Amino acid sequence: MGKRLPNTPRSKVRSALRQLWLRSRERAAALRRDNYTCRFCGRKQSKAKGKEQKIEVHHREGIDNWEKVIDLVFAELLCSPEYLETTCPECHDEKSTQFFQQKEIE
């Protein structure tokens, strides 16, 4: 077994974002809207044995900035431990409220 890295690997973030997308309500709504049917050729999703047909959901405008999205996750969410502090739920709520109130003033 290999040594654990001190930081979350980019591949793990990419995988988590992919899983979020695959389970998202937005993706499910697009599938339902289109009746699980390809909008271009009309093929319908099927799980019938011997007639399996998968259907995917495509972003019309594409996603060409995955690396920027992952960079943002690291910058805002998975920041260095020096910028993190441990709190109880009550103190966390209080700190968060203070932070957002201060942001509204700025």
N, C-alpha and C. Protein backbone atom coordinates (compact mmCIF):
# COMPACT_ATOMS: atom_id res chain seq x y z
N MET A 1 0.85 -1.18 0.00
CA MET A 1 0.00 0.00 0.00
C MET A 1 0.89 1.23 0.00
N GLY A 2 0.56 2.19 -0.86
CA GLY A 2 1.37 3.40 -1.00
C GLY A 2 1.16 4.40 0.11
N LYS A 3 2.07 5.35 0.16
CA LYS A 3 1.99 6.41 1.16
C LYS A 3 0.86 7.38 0.80
N ARG A 4 0.10 7.80 1.80
CA ARG A 4 -0.98 8.77 1.57
C ARG A 4 -0.42 10.14 1.26
N LEU A 5 -0.98 10.77 0.26
CA LEU A 5 -0.57 12.12 -0.10
C LEU A 5 -1.12 13.12 0.92
N PRO A 6 -0.43 14.22 1.16
CA PRO A 6 -0.93 15.20 2.12
C PRO A 6 -2.14 15.99 1.60
N ASN A 7 -2.30 16.05 0.30
CA ASN A 7 -3.41 16.79 -0.32
C ASN A 7 -4.28 15.85 -1.14
N THR A 8 -5.52 16.23 -1.32
CA THR A 8 -6.45 15.46 -2.15
C THR A 8 -5.96 15.50 -3.60
N PRO A 9 -5.82 14.34 -4.25
CA PRO A 9 -5.37 14.35 -5.65
C PRO A 9 -6.42 14.95 -6.59
N ARG A 10 -5.97 15.60 -7.65
CA ARG A 10 -6.87 16.19 -8.65
C ARG A 10 -7.80 15.13 -9.24
N SER A 11 -7.29 13.91 -9.40
CA SER A 11 -8.11 12.84 -9.98
C SER A 11 -9.31 12.52 -9.09
N LYS A 12 -9.15 12.64 -7.79
CA LYS A 12 -10.26 12.38 -6.86
C LYS A 12 -11.31 13.48 -6.97
N VAL A 13 -10.88 14.72 -7.12
CA VAL A 13 -11.82 15.84 -7.29
C VAL A 13 -12.56 15.67 -8.62
N ARG A 14 -11.84 15.35 -9.68
CA ARG A 14 -12.45 15.14 -11.00
C ARG A 14 -13.51 14.04 -10.92
N SER A 15 -13.17 12.94 -10.24
CA SER A 15 -14.09 11.82 -10.09
C SER A 15 -15.33 12.22 -9.29
N ALA A 16 -15.13 12.99 -8.22
CA ALA A 16 -16.27 13.44 -7.41
C ALA A 16 -17.19 14.36 -8.21
N LEU A 17 -16.61 15.26 -9.00
CA LEU A 17 -17.42 16.15 -9.84
C LEU A 17 -18.20 15.35 -10.88
N ARG A 18 -17.56 14.34 -11.45
CA ARG A 18 -18.25 13.48 -12.42
C ARG A 18 -19.43 12.76 -11.77
N GLN A 19 -19.21 12.22 -10.57
CA GLN A 19 -20.29 11.53 -9.86
C GLN A 19 -21.43 12.49 -9.52
N LEU A 20 -21.07 13.71 -9.13
CA LEU A 20 -22.09 14.73 -8.85
C LEU A 20 -22.93 14.96 -10.11
N TRP A 21 -22.28 15.10 -11.24
CA TRP A 21 -22.98 15.34 -12.51
C TRP A 21 -23.88 14.15 -12.86
N LEU A 22 -23.36 12.94 -12.72
CA LEU A 22 -24.12 11.75 -13.10
C LEU A 22 -25.37 11.57 -12.24
N ARG A 23 -25.33 12.07 -11.02
CA ARG A 23 -26.47 11.93 -10.10
C ARG A 23 -27.28 13.23 -9.95
N SER A 24 -26.97 14.22 -10.77
CA SER A 24 -27.61 15.53 -10.62
C SER A 24 -29.07 15.53 -11.08
N ARG A 25 -29.83 16.39 -10.46
CA ARG A 25 -31.24 16.56 -10.84
C ARG A 25 -31.36 17.18 -12.22
N GLU A 26 -30.41 18.03 -12.56
CA GLU A 26 -30.43 18.69 -13.87
C GLU A 26 -30.28 17.66 -14.99
N ARG A 27 -29.33 16.73 -14.82
CA ARG A 27 -29.12 15.69 -15.82
C ARG A 27 -30.36 14.79 -15.91
N ALA A 28 -30.91 14.41 -14.75
CA ALA A 28 -32.11 13.56 -14.73
C ALA A 28 -33.29 14.25 -15.40
N ALA A 29 -33.41 15.57 -15.17
CA ALA A 29 -34.51 16.32 -15.79
C ALA A 29 -34.37 16.33 -17.32
N ALA A 30 -33.15 16.47 -17.82
CA ALA A 30 -32.93 16.46 -19.27
C ALA A 30 -33.30 15.09 -19.85
N LEU A 31 -32.93 14.03 -19.16
CA LEU A 31 -33.28 12.68 -19.64
C LEU A 31 -34.79 12.48 -19.67
N ARG A 32 -35.47 12.90 -18.61
CA ARG A 32 -36.94 12.76 -18.58
C ARG A 32 -37.59 13.61 -19.67
N ARG A 33 -37.11 14.86 -19.81
CA ARG A 33 -37.68 15.77 -20.82
C ARG A 33 -37.62 15.14 -22.21
N ASP A 34 -36.51 14.48 -22.51
CA ASP A 34 -36.32 13.90 -23.84
C ASP A 34 -36.76 12.44 -23.91
N ASN A 35 -37.45 11.99 -22.86
CA ASN A 35 -37.99 10.63 -22.84
C ASN A 35 -36.90 9.57 -23.06
N TYR A 36 -35.73 9.82 -22.51
CA TYR A 36 -34.59 8.88 -22.61
C TYR A 36 -34.32 8.49 -24.06
N THR A 37 -34.43 9.48 -24.95
CA THR A 37 -34.27 9.25 -26.39
C THR A 37 -33.26 10.24 -26.96
N CYS A 38 -32.38 9.75 -27.85
CA CYS A 38 -31.40 10.61 -28.50
C CYS A 38 -32.12 11.63 -29.37
N ARG A 39 -31.78 12.90 -29.17
CA ARG A 39 -32.45 13.97 -29.93
C ARG A 39 -32.00 14.01 -31.39
N PHE A 40 -30.93 13.31 -31.73
CA PHE A 40 -30.40 13.36 -33.10
C PHE A 40 -30.86 12.17 -33.95
N CYS A 41 -30.75 10.96 -33.40
CA CYS A 41 -31.10 9.79 -34.22
C CYS A 41 -32.37 9.08 -33.75
N GLY A 42 -32.88 9.45 -32.56
CA GLY A 42 -34.12 8.86 -32.08
C GLY A 42 -33.97 7.55 -31.33
N ARG A 43 -32.73 7.08 -31.13
CA ARG A 43 -32.54 5.84 -30.37
C ARG A 43 -33.00 6.04 -28.93
N LYS A 44 -33.69 5.03 -28.41
CA LYS A 44 -34.21 5.10 -27.05
C LYS A 44 -33.36 4.22 -26.14
N GLN A 45 -33.17 4.71 -24.91
CA GLN A 45 -32.41 3.92 -23.94
C GLN A 45 -33.10 2.60 -23.71
N SER A 46 -32.32 1.53 -23.61
CA SER A 46 -32.88 0.21 -23.35
C SER A 46 -31.94 -0.58 -22.47
N LYS A 47 -32.54 -1.32 -21.54
CA LYS A 47 -31.77 -2.22 -20.69
C LYS A 47 -32.14 -3.67 -20.98
N ALA A 48 -32.96 -3.87 -22.01
CA ALA A 48 -33.40 -5.21 -22.37
C ALA A 48 -32.20 -6.05 -22.83
N LYS A 49 -32.13 -7.28 -22.36
CA LYS A 49 -31.01 -8.16 -22.68
C LYS A 49 -30.89 -8.33 -24.19
N GLY A 50 -29.69 -8.09 -24.70
CA GLY A 50 -29.42 -8.20 -26.12
C GLY A 50 -29.75 -6.93 -26.90
N LYS A 51 -30.46 -6.00 -26.29
CA LYS A 51 -30.83 -4.75 -26.96
C LYS A 51 -30.40 -3.53 -26.14
N GLU A 52 -29.33 -3.70 -25.35
CA GLU A 52 -28.87 -2.62 -24.49
C GLU A 52 -28.49 -1.39 -25.32
N GLN A 53 -28.96 -0.24 -24.88
CA GLN A 53 -28.63 1.02 -25.52
C GLN A 53 -28.49 2.07 -24.42
N LYS A 54 -27.30 2.63 -24.31
CA LYS A 54 -27.09 3.68 -23.32
C LYS A 54 -27.40 5.03 -23.93
N ILE A 55 -27.80 5.95 -23.07
CA ILE A 55 -28.08 7.33 -23.48
C ILE A 55 -27.26 8.23 -22.57
N GLU A 56 -26.68 9.28 -23.14
CA GLU A 56 -25.88 10.22 -22.37
C GLU A 56 -26.49 11.60 -22.48
N VAL A 57 -26.05 12.50 -21.61
CA VAL A 57 -26.50 13.89 -21.66
C VAL A 57 -25.30 14.74 -22.04
N HIS A 58 -25.46 15.54 -23.09
CA HIS A 58 -24.38 16.35 -23.65
C HIS A 58 -24.60 17.83 -23.33
N HIS A 59 -23.54 18.53 -22.90
CA HIS A 59 -23.62 19.98 -22.70
C HIS A 59 -23.53 20.65 -24.08
N ARG A 60 -24.57 21.34 -24.49
CA ARG A 60 -24.60 21.97 -25.80
C ARG A 60 -23.42 22.90 -26.04
N GLU A 61 -23.08 23.67 -25.02
CA GLU A 61 -21.98 24.63 -25.16
C GLU A 61 -20.65 24.04 -24.74
N GLY A 62 -20.64 22.78 -24.40
CA GLY A 62 -19.41 22.11 -24.01
C GLY A 62 -18.87 22.60 -22.68
N ILE A 63 -17.95 21.85 -22.15
CA ILE A 63 -17.26 22.25 -20.92
C ILE A 63 -15.77 22.16 -21.25
N ASP A 64 -15.20 23.31 -21.51
CA ASP A 64 -13.79 23.32 -21.90
C ASP A 64 -12.89 23.81 -20.78
N ASN A 65 -13.47 24.02 -19.59
CA ASN A 65 -12.67 24.57 -18.51
C ASN A 65 -12.67 23.70 -17.25
N TRP A 66 -12.63 22.39 -17.43
CA TRP A 66 -12.62 21.48 -16.28
C TRP A 66 -11.46 21.80 -15.34
N GLU A 67 -10.31 22.11 -15.89
CA GLU A 67 -9.16 22.39 -15.04
C GLU A 67 -9.39 23.64 -14.20
N LYS A 68 -10.07 24.64 -14.76
CA LYS A 68 -10.40 25.86 -14.00
C LYS A 68 -11.38 25.53 -12.88
N VAL A 69 -12.35 24.67 -13.15
CA VAL A 69 -13.32 24.26 -12.13
C VAL A 69 -12.59 23.54 -10.99
N ILE A 70 -11.69 22.64 -11.35
CA ILE A 70 -10.93 21.91 -10.33
C ILE A 70 -10.03 22.86 -9.56
N ASP A 71 -9.40 23.81 -10.25
CA ASP A 71 -8.57 24.82 -9.57
C ASP A 71 -9.41 25.60 -8.56
N LEU A 72 -10.63 25.96 -8.93
CA LEU A 72 -11.51 26.70 -8.03
C LEU A 72 -11.87 25.87 -6.80
N VAL A 73 -12.13 24.59 -7.00
CA VAL A 73 -12.42 23.70 -5.86
C VAL A 73 -11.24 23.70 -4.89
N PHE A 74 -10.03 23.61 -5.42
CA PHE A 74 -8.85 23.62 -4.55
C PHE A 74 -8.67 24.98 -3.87
N ALA A 75 -8.90 26.06 -4.59
CA ALA A 75 -8.69 27.40 -4.03
C ALA A 75 -9.73 27.74 -2.96
N GLU A 76 -10.97 27.38 -3.18
CA GLU A 76 -12.05 27.80 -2.29
C GLU A 76 -12.47 26.75 -1.26
N LEU A 77 -12.40 25.49 -1.61
CA LEU A 77 -12.91 24.44 -0.73
C LEU A 77 -11.80 23.61 -0.10
N LEU A 78 -10.87 23.15 -0.90
CA LEU A 78 -9.79 22.29 -0.42
C LEU A 78 -8.52 23.09 -0.20
N CYS A 79 -8.65 24.21 0.53
CA CYS A 79 -7.50 25.08 0.77
C CYS A 79 -6.56 24.45 1.79
N SER A 80 -5.43 25.06 1.96
CA SER A 80 -4.42 24.58 2.89
C SER A 80 -4.97 24.55 4.31
N PRO A 81 -4.57 23.57 5.11
CA PRO A 81 -5.04 23.50 6.51
C PRO A 81 -4.73 24.75 7.32
N GLU A 82 -3.74 25.53 6.92
CA GLU A 82 -3.43 26.76 7.66
C GLU A 82 -4.58 27.76 7.58
N TYR A 83 -5.47 27.60 6.62
CA TYR A 83 -6.63 28.48 6.47
C TYR A 83 -7.90 27.86 7.04
N LEU A 84 -7.77 26.76 7.75
CA LEU A 84 -8.92 26.04 8.30
C LEU A 84 -8.83 26.03 9.83
N GLU A 85 -9.99 25.98 10.48
CA GLU A 85 -10.01 25.86 11.93
C GLU A 85 -11.16 24.95 12.33
N THR A 86 -10.97 24.25 13.43
CA THR A 86 -11.97 23.31 13.93
C THR A 86 -12.91 24.06 14.86
N THR A 87 -14.22 23.87 14.65
CA THR A 87 -15.22 24.54 15.49
C THR A 87 -16.37 23.58 15.77
N CYS A 88 -17.12 23.91 16.83
CA CYS A 88 -18.36 23.18 17.08
C CYS A 88 -19.42 23.74 16.12
N PRO A 89 -20.53 23.04 15.94
CA PRO A 89 -21.56 23.53 15.00
C PRO A 89 -22.07 24.94 15.34
N GLU A 90 -22.26 25.23 16.62
CA GLU A 90 -22.78 26.54 17.00
C GLU A 90 -21.80 27.66 16.64
N CYS A 91 -20.52 27.47 16.98
CA CYS A 91 -19.52 28.49 16.65
C CYS A 91 -19.34 28.61 15.13
N HIS A 92 -19.45 27.50 14.42
CA HIS A 92 -19.33 27.53 12.96
C HIS A 92 -20.44 28.38 12.37
N ASP A 93 -21.67 28.17 12.85
CA ASP A 93 -22.80 28.97 12.36
C ASP A 93 -22.58 30.45 12.64
N GLU A 94 -22.10 30.76 13.85
CA GLU A 94 -21.86 32.15 14.23
C GLU A 94 -20.79 32.78 13.34
N LYS A 95 -19.68 32.06 13.14
CA LYS A 95 -18.59 32.57 12.29
C LYS A 95 -19.08 32.78 10.85
N SER A 96 -19.85 31.83 10.34
CA SER A 96 -20.36 31.94 8.97
C SER A 96 -21.29 33.13 8.83
N THR A 97 -22.16 33.33 9.81
CA THR A 97 -23.09 34.46 9.79
C THR A 97 -22.31 35.78 9.79
N GLN A 98 -21.31 35.87 10.65
CA GLN A 98 -20.48 37.08 10.72
C GLN A 98 -19.78 37.33 9.38
N PHE A 99 -19.26 36.27 8.78
CA PHE A 99 -18.55 36.39 7.51
C PHE A 99 -19.47 36.94 6.43
N PHE A 100 -20.65 36.37 6.30
CA PHE A 100 -21.56 36.79 5.24
C PHE A 100 -22.12 38.18 5.49
N GLN A 101 -22.33 38.54 6.75
CA GLN A 101 -22.78 39.90 7.06
C GLN A 101 -21.71 40.91 6.68
N GLN A 102 -20.46 40.57 6.94
CA GLN A 102 -19.34 41.46 6.59
C GLN A 102 -19.25 41.60 5.07
N LYS A 103 -19.45 40.52 4.33
CA LYS A 103 -19.39 40.56 2.87
C LYS A 103 -20.48 41.46 2.30
N GLU A 104 -21.67 41.45 2.93
CA GLU A 104 -22.76 42.29 2.45
C GLU A 104 -22.45 43.76 2.60
N ILE A 105 -21.69 44.11 3.65
CA ILE A 105 -21.33 45.50 3.89
C ILE A 105 -20.35 46.00 2.86
N GLU A 106 -19.44 45.14 2.43
CA GLU A 106 -18.37 45.53 1.48
C GLU A 106 -18.88 45.82 0.12
